[in-house]
Amino acid sequence: MLPNLAPETNPGSSASSGSDRSGAGRIRLTTLGLKPQVTDLTRRGFASPAESASVASRILQAHARSFADGYNAAVLADGPADLLKSRALVPPGRVGFWMEGAAMGCTVLDNMSVRGRRLNHFLCSEGSAHGYLIHVGVGWAAKRLHGLRPSIRCSLDPLLKWLLWDGFGFASGFFSPRRHLLRQKPPRVRGGYAGRVADQGLGRCVWFYALAEPSRVCGVINAFCAERQADLWSGVGLAATYAGGAPAATLKPLLERAGPFRDHVAQGAVFGATARVAADEVLPETAETSLILSGLTPVDAARLAAEARRGCHEGVANDYERWRQRIREAVRRDMAS
């Protein structure tokens, strides 16, 4: 059961224009919709009232609200076409987060229906360009629902399905920051390699929790045992590149403080840049961050990710880790040259 459910949405959100929607959609929104405060970073303990006025906080908060808007739009929509109409209202640069939330909403509804196909239709439509974020959004749903129908898992990409655990890890840290970020309790996954990918998601959450401030990021991650820090740093690199929020001048010190995990930061940056390129949502700061953290332009990062993915088509844990490892090795060679 989802917590903090209510019919409220942001006044300017795509889900709030539901006067012409079906009665069924409005009922779903009333019973399943996310309140705006659910994604309020200050209420979640991520920022103090004073910090909420910072540039980084405003950027990251806007991303979080776009996620909630996407979720509510999916819950309200009567079908794929209806949902994609709402997507047209999303500001440039935030579409990926909206898609992530919409994927969560589609997954929640599919999980409540024996023949639910919303997620599959979403993946096969315009959502295909946002495959990274959509698979992460499925992980949010898995966290809130404590499991998924086998039919939902079958609709996922064999390799990108591992990002489900990334989303699960982010959601764990987002809803329970004290437990997972400050007391370092691992997300409750099925065990094995999924725990490592969940830590990648937890690392992305650290970026939001620390409001993109390098010293705070390092302080949180350094409290974790050494065995978990590599995957956490991978998540930091991904969030820094995809979500942004940090001035360029702070990124080199961040990379230096990552120490032996610099190549993991770079690998995460490659993932973040690749997701932006695939969605045709590369921002000026995306290019700058990608160059600083990985030494690659977003286009080159996407090319590297595609090359490293070759032969990793079965989707087993070894495939996902081989994909990440190939990227790390490539950027390590470039950093050394």
Protein backbone atom coordinates (compact mmCIF):
# COMPACT_ATOMS: atom_id res chain seq x y z
CA MET A 1 0.00 0.00 0.00
CA LEU A 2 1.43 3.38 -0.94
CA PRO A 3 1.87 5.81 1.96
CA ASN A 4 0.82 9.46 1.98
CA LEU A 5 -1.82 9.04 -0.68
CA ALA A 6 -4.14 11.88 -1.57
CA PRO A 7 -5.84 13.55 -4.54
CA GLU A 8 -3.69 16.64 -4.29
CA THR A 9 -1.23 17.58 -7.00
CA ASN A 10 0.86 20.59 -7.86
CA PRO A 11 -1.37 23.39 -9.23
CA GLY A 12 0.74 23.51 -12.37
CA SER A 13 1.17 19.79 -12.80
CA SER A 14 -0.04 17.82 -15.77
CA ALA A 15 -2.15 15.67 -13.48
CA SER A 16 -4.09 18.61 -12.05
CA SER A 17 -5.95 19.30 -15.29
CA GLY A 18 -8.25 16.37 -14.76
CA SER A 19 -11.63 18.06 -15.12
CA ASP A 20 -12.15 16.43 -18.52
CA ARG A 21 -10.84 13.03 -17.46
CA SER A 22 -13.01 10.01 -16.78
CA GLY A 23 -14.57 9.41 -13.43
CA ALA A 24 -12.44 6.29 -13.08
CA GLY A 25 -9.28 8.33 -13.54
CA ARG A 26 -10.33 10.82 -10.88
CA ILE A 27 -11.11 7.99 -8.48
CA ARG A 28 -7.67 6.49 -9.08
CA LEU A 29 -6.07 9.86 -8.44
CA THR A 30 -8.07 10.28 -5.24
CA THR A 31 -7.03 6.89 -3.88
CA LEU A 32 -3.51 6.52 -5.30
CA GLY A 33 -2.28 10.04 -6.07
CA LEU A 34 0.87 11.42 -4.44
CA LYS A 35 0.64 14.52 -2.28
CA PRO A 36 3.14 17.27 -3.22
CA GLN A 37 4.75 17.06 0.22
CA VAL A 38 5.77 13.43 -0.43
CA THR A 39 8.58 14.70 -2.67
CA ASP A 40 9.34 17.86 -0.67
CA LEU A 41 13.07 17.61 0.08
CA THR A 42 12.86 19.77 3.18
CA ARG A 43 10.03 17.69 4.67
CA ARG A 44 12.02 14.53 3.95
CA GLY A 45 14.95 15.93 5.93
CA PHE A 46 17.16 16.49 2.90
CA ALA A 47 17.41 20.24 3.39
CA SER A 48 16.84 22.86 6.06
CA PRO A 49 14.43 25.74 5.32
CA ALA A 50 17.43 28.00 4.65
CA GLU A 51 19.04 25.50 2.29
CA SER A 52 15.81 25.08 0.37
CA ALA A 53 16.44 28.48 -1.22
CA SER A 54 19.77 27.41 -2.74
CA VAL A 55 20.19 26.94 -6.47
CA ALA A 56 20.95 23.23 -6.08
CA SER A 57 17.90 22.70 -3.88
CA ARG A 58 15.61 24.44 -6.38
CA ILE A 59 16.95 22.32 -9.25
CA LEU A 60 16.70 19.02 -7.40
CA GLN A 61 13.31 19.90 -5.93
CA ALA A 62 11.98 20.65 -9.41
CA HIS A 63 13.13 17.20 -10.54
CA ALA A 64 11.39 15.57 -7.58
CA ARG A 65 8.15 17.40 -8.33
CA SER A 66 8.34 16.37 -11.98
CA PHE A 67 8.58 12.77 -10.78
CA ALA A 68 5.41 13.19 -8.70
CA ASP A 69 3.64 14.89 -11.61
CA GLY A 70 4.51 11.97 -13.89
CA TYR A 71 3.26 9.47 -11.36
CA ASN A 72 -0.03 11.33 -10.86
CA ALA A 73 -0.47 11.75 -14.61
CA ALA A 74 -0.13 7.99 -15.11
CA VAL A 75 -2.63 7.25 -12.35
CA LEU A 76 -5.11 9.73 -13.82
CA ALA A 77 -4.67 8.80 -17.50
CA ASP A 78 -7.22 6.56 -19.20
CA GLY A 79 -4.64 5.02 -21.51
CA PRO A 80 -1.23 5.44 -23.21
CA ALA A 81 -2.38 8.16 -25.61
CA ASP A 82 -3.95 10.11 -22.78
CA LEU A 83 -0.74 9.86 -20.75
CA LEU A 84 1.47 11.08 -23.59
CA LYS A 85 -0.74 14.15 -24.00
CA SER A 86 0.22 15.09 -20.44
CA ARG A 87 3.88 14.56 -21.23
CA ALA A 88 3.74 17.44 -23.71
CA LEU A 89 3.26 19.86 -20.79
CA VAL A 90 6.53 18.92 -19.06
CA PRO A 91 9.30 21.59 -19.10
CA PRO A 92 12.41 20.71 -21.13
CA GLY A 93 15.12 19.07 -19.06
CA ARG A 94 12.70 17.43 -16.65
CA VAL A 95 10.99 14.97 -18.96
CA GLY A 96 13.12 12.04 -17.78
CA PHE A 97 12.05 12.49 -14.17
CA TRP A 98 8.44 12.79 -15.28
CA MET A 99 8.84 9.56 -17.26
CA GLU A 100 10.35 7.88 -14.21
CA GLY A 101 7.32 8.81 -12.12
CA ALA A 102 4.93 7.81 -14.90
CA ALA A 103 6.62 4.41 -15.11
CA MET A 104 6.04 3.96 -11.40
CA GLY A 105 2.38 4.87 -11.84
CA CYS A 106 1.92 2.50 -14.78
CA THR A 107 3.58 -0.29 -12.82
CA VAL A 108 1.40 0.27 -9.75
CA LEU A 109 -1.75 0.07 -11.89
CA ASP A 110 -0.50 -2.99 -13.79
CA ASN A 111 0.26 -4.73 -10.53
CA MET A 112 -3.37 -4.23 -9.50
CA SER A 113 -4.69 -5.77 -12.72
CA VAL A 114 -4.22 -9.33 -13.95
CA ARG A 115 -3.98 -8.14 -17.56
CA GLY A 116 -2.30 -4.78 -17.00
CA ARG A 117 -0.33 -3.62 -20.05
CA ARG A 118 0.22 0.06 -19.31
CA LEU A 119 3.95 -0.27 -18.68
CA ASN A 120 4.50 -2.34 -21.82
CA HIS A 121 2.61 0.19 -23.95
CA PHE A 122 4.56 2.99 -22.30
CA LEU A 123 7.90 1.34 -23.06
CA CYS A 124 6.93 0.70 -26.68
CA SER A 125 5.74 4.27 -27.28
CA GLU A 126 7.53 7.56 -26.76
CA GLY A 127 8.85 6.18 -23.50
CA SER A 128 11.38 4.05 -25.38
CA ALA A 129 13.77 7.01 -25.51
CA HIS A 130 13.72 7.14 -21.72
CA GLY A 131 14.44 3.46 -21.10
CA TYR A 132 16.95 4.12 -18.32
CA LEU A 133 14.56 6.23 -16.27
CA ILE A 134 11.53 4.04 -16.95
CA HIS A 135 13.28 0.96 -15.58
CA VAL A 136 14.31 2.97 -12.53
CA GLY A 137 10.67 4.01 -12.08
CA VAL A 138 9.63 0.34 -12.04
CA GLY A 139 12.00 -0.04 -9.09
CA TRP A 140 10.15 2.68 -7.18
CA ALA A 141 6.95 0.70 -7.66
CA ALA A 142 8.65 -2.52 -6.55
CA LYS A 143 9.74 -0.80 -3.34
CA ARG A 144 6.26 0.50 -2.53
CA LEU A 145 4.44 -2.69 -3.55
CA HIS A 146 6.92 -5.15 -1.99
CA GLY A 147 7.05 -7.11 -5.24
CA LEU A 148 5.93 -7.20 -8.87
CA ARG A 149 3.88 -9.52 -11.03
CA PRO A 150 6.02 -11.80 -13.24
CA SER A 151 4.28 -10.33 -16.32
CA ILE A 152 5.71 -6.90 -15.45
CA ARG A 153 9.25 -8.22 -15.17
CA CYS A 154 8.88 -9.98 -18.53
CA SER A 155 8.21 -6.64 -20.25
CA LEU A 156 11.55 -5.18 -19.17
CA ASP A 157 14.75 -4.96 -21.20
CA PRO A 158 17.02 -7.94 -20.36
CA LEU A 159 19.95 -5.69 -19.39
CA LEU A 160 18.26 -2.49 -18.22
CA LYS A 161 16.03 -4.51 -15.90
CA TRP A 162 18.88 -4.32 -13.38
CA LEU A 163 18.07 -0.62 -13.04
CA LEU A 164 14.91 -1.76 -11.24
CA TRP A 165 17.18 -2.33 -8.24
CA ASP A 166 18.74 1.10 -8.74
CA GLY A 167 15.27 2.61 -8.41
CA PHE A 168 14.58 0.38 -5.42
CA GLY A 169 17.74 1.67 -3.74
CA PHE A 170 16.94 5.32 -4.45
CA ALA A 171 13.41 4.91 -3.11
CA SER A 172 14.77 3.25 0.04
CA GLY A 173 17.01 6.21 0.76
CA PHE A 174 14.39 8.76 -0.22
CA PHE A 175 11.64 7.43 2.05
CA SER A 176 13.95 6.39 4.91
CA PRO A 177 17.07 8.59 4.79
CA ARG A 178 17.93 8.14 8.46
CA ARG A 179 17.88 4.35 8.17
CA HIS A 180 19.61 3.92 4.82
CA LEU A 181 21.80 7.02 4.44
CA LEU A 182 22.78 7.87 8.02
CA ARG A 183 22.70 4.43 9.64
CA GLN A 184 23.89 2.72 6.42
CA LYS A 185 21.30 -0.08 6.50
CA PRO A 186 21.32 -1.86 3.10
CA PRO A 187 18.10 -1.73 1.06
CA ARG A 188 16.05 -4.89 1.53
CA VAL A 189 16.61 -6.61 -1.79
CA ARG A 190 16.66 -10.30 -2.65
CA GLY A 191 20.41 -10.53 -2.03
CA GLY A 192 23.37 -11.10 -4.28
CA TYR A 193 24.25 -8.65 -7.03
CA ALA A 194 20.91 -6.83 -6.73
CA GLY A 195 22.24 -5.31 -3.52
CA ARG A 196 25.13 -3.72 -5.40
CA VAL A 197 22.83 -2.13 -7.96
CA ALA A 198 20.57 -0.93 -5.13
CA ASP A 199 23.64 0.79 -3.66
CA GLN A 200 24.11 2.56 -7.00
CA GLY A 201 20.59 3.93 -6.54
CA LEU A 202 21.35 4.79 -2.94
CA GLY A 203 24.36 6.75 -4.19
CA ARG A 204 22.09 8.76 -6.48
CA CYS A 205 19.93 9.50 -3.45
CA VAL A 206 23.00 10.75 -1.57
CA TRP A 207 23.40 13.41 -4.25
CA PHE A 208 19.88 14.68 -3.56
CA TYR A 209 20.26 14.32 0.20
CA ALA A 210 23.50 16.32 0.18
CA LEU A 211 22.01 18.91 -2.20
CA ALA A 212 24.87 18.35 -4.66
CA GLU A 213 27.42 19.68 -2.15
CA PRO A 214 30.67 17.67 -2.50
CA SER A 215 31.80 17.79 1.13
CA ARG A 216 28.40 16.54 2.29
CA VAL A 217 28.38 13.84 -0.37
CA CYS A 218 31.79 12.62 0.79
CA GLY A 219 30.78 12.79 4.43
CA VAL A 220 27.78 10.54 3.86
CA ILE A 221 29.60 8.01 1.67
CA ASN A 222 32.72 7.79 3.85
CA ALA A 223 30.54 6.56 6.72
CA PHE A 224 29.71 3.42 4.72
CA CYS A 225 31.93 0.35 4.79
CA ALA A 226 34.59 0.34 2.07
CA GLU A 227 32.97 -2.61 0.26
CA ARG A 228 29.89 -0.53 -0.58
CA GLN A 229 31.53 2.76 -1.54
CA ALA A 230 32.35 1.90 -5.16
CA ASP A 231 28.70 1.40 -6.11
CA LEU A 232 27.65 4.45 -4.10
CA TRP A 233 30.15 6.58 -6.00
CA SER A 234 28.81 5.19 -9.27
CA GLY A 235 25.38 6.51 -8.28
CA VAL A 236 26.84 9.89 -7.36
CA GLY A 237 28.42 10.23 -10.81
CA LEU A 238 25.16 9.29 -12.46
CA ALA A 239 23.09 11.79 -10.46
CA ALA A 240 25.65 14.58 -10.79
CA THR A 241 25.53 14.24 -14.58
CA TYR A 242 21.84 13.54 -15.12
CA ALA A 243 20.21 15.62 -12.36
CA GLY A 244 22.90 18.29 -12.08
CA GLY A 245 22.75 21.00 -9.44
CA ALA A 246 26.47 21.42 -8.70
CA PRO A 247 28.59 24.33 -10.00
CA ALA A 248 31.28 23.13 -12.37
CA ALA A 249 34.00 24.44 -10.03
CA THR A 250 33.00 21.91 -7.36
CA LEU A 251 33.15 18.85 -9.60
CA LYS A 252 36.91 18.42 -9.86
CA PRO A 253 37.28 18.48 -6.06
CA LEU A 254 34.47 15.92 -5.88
CA LEU A 255 36.33 13.64 -8.28
CA GLU A 256 39.55 14.05 -6.31
CA ARG A 257 37.81 13.20 -3.04
CA ALA A 258 36.44 10.02 -4.59
CA GLY A 259 40.07 8.79 -4.57
CA PRO A 260 40.30 5.14 -5.67
CA PHE A 261 36.68 5.25 -6.82
CA ARG A 262 37.17 7.90 -9.49
CA ASP A 263 36.54 5.40 -12.28
CA HIS A 264 33.23 4.46 -10.63
CA VAL A 265 32.22 8.12 -10.61
CA ALA A 266 33.19 8.29 -14.28
CA GLN A 267 31.17 5.17 -15.10
CA GLY A 268 28.13 6.69 -13.43
CA ALA A 269 28.68 9.90 -15.38
CA VAL A 270 28.72 7.89 -18.61
CA PHE A 271 25.37 6.34 -17.68
CA GLY A 272 23.91 9.76 -16.85
CA ALA A 273 25.13 11.35 -20.08
CA THR A 274 23.93 8.37 -22.11
CA ALA A 275 20.43 8.65 -20.66
CA ARG A 276 20.33 12.34 -21.59
CA VAL A 277 21.56 11.66 -25.14
CA ALA A 278 19.07 8.83 -25.68
CA ALA A 279 16.22 11.14 -24.67
CA ASP A 280 17.57 14.09 -26.69
CA GLU A 281 17.63 16.12 -23.47
CA VAL A 282 21.28 17.09 -23.20
CA LEU A 283 21.61 20.31 -21.22
CA PRO A 284 24.63 22.66 -21.27
CA GLU A 285 25.53 21.52 -17.75
CA THR A 286 25.25 17.88 -18.86
CA ALA A 287 28.08 18.37 -21.33
CA GLU A 288 30.23 20.22 -18.82
CA THR A 289 29.73 17.67 -16.05
CA SER A 290 30.28 14.72 -18.37
CA LEU A 291 33.61 16.15 -19.52
CA ILE A 292 34.82 16.83 -15.98
CA LEU A 293 33.76 13.52 -14.43
CA SER A 294 34.42 11.11 -17.32
CA GLY A 295 36.58 13.04 -19.78
CA LEU A 296 33.96 12.44 -22.49
CA THR A 297 31.37 14.52 -24.26
CA PRO A 298 27.82 13.21 -23.82
CA VAL A 299 27.82 11.85 -27.39
CA ASP A 300 31.13 10.06 -26.85
CA ALA A 301 29.88 8.75 -23.51
CA ALA A 302 26.79 7.32 -25.20
CA ARG A 303 28.97 5.74 -27.88
CA LEU A 304 31.17 4.14 -25.22
CA ALA A 305 28.12 2.81 -23.34
CA ALA A 306 26.77 1.28 -26.56
CA GLU A 307 30.10 -0.36 -27.40
CA ALA A 308 30.54 -1.69 -23.87
CA ARG A 309 27.06 -3.17 -23.99
CA ARG A 310 27.86 -5.51 -26.89
CA GLY A 311 27.51 -9.14 -25.94
CA CYS A 312 25.70 -8.32 -22.70
CA HIS A 313 22.31 -9.32 -24.05
CA GLU A 314 21.29 -12.13 -21.71
CA GLY A 315 20.73 -9.79 -18.79
CA VAL A 316 22.34 -11.90 -16.06
CA ALA A 317 24.22 -10.17 -13.24
CA ASN A 318 27.55 -10.86 -14.96
CA ASP A 319 26.30 -8.99 -18.03
CA TYR A 320 25.38 -5.84 -16.11
CA GLU A 321 28.63 -5.82 -14.16
CA ARG A 322 30.62 -6.55 -17.34
CA TRP A 323 28.93 -3.53 -18.92
CA ARG A 324 29.91 -1.29 -16.03
CA GLN A 325 33.41 -2.74 -15.83
CA ARG A 326 34.12 -2.18 -19.52
CA ILE A 327 33.15 1.46 -19.13
CA ARG A 328 35.37 1.85 -16.08
CA GLU A 329 38.31 0.29 -17.87
CA ALA A 330 37.86 2.56 -20.87
CA VAL A 331 37.69 5.79 -18.86
CA ARG A 332 40.58 4.61 -16.65
CA ARG A 333 42.76 4.24 -19.74
CA ASP A 334 41.76 7.70 -20.89
CA MET A 335 42.46 9.21 -17.46
CA ALA A 336 45.90 7.58 -17.40
CA SER A 337 46.87 8.75 -20.90
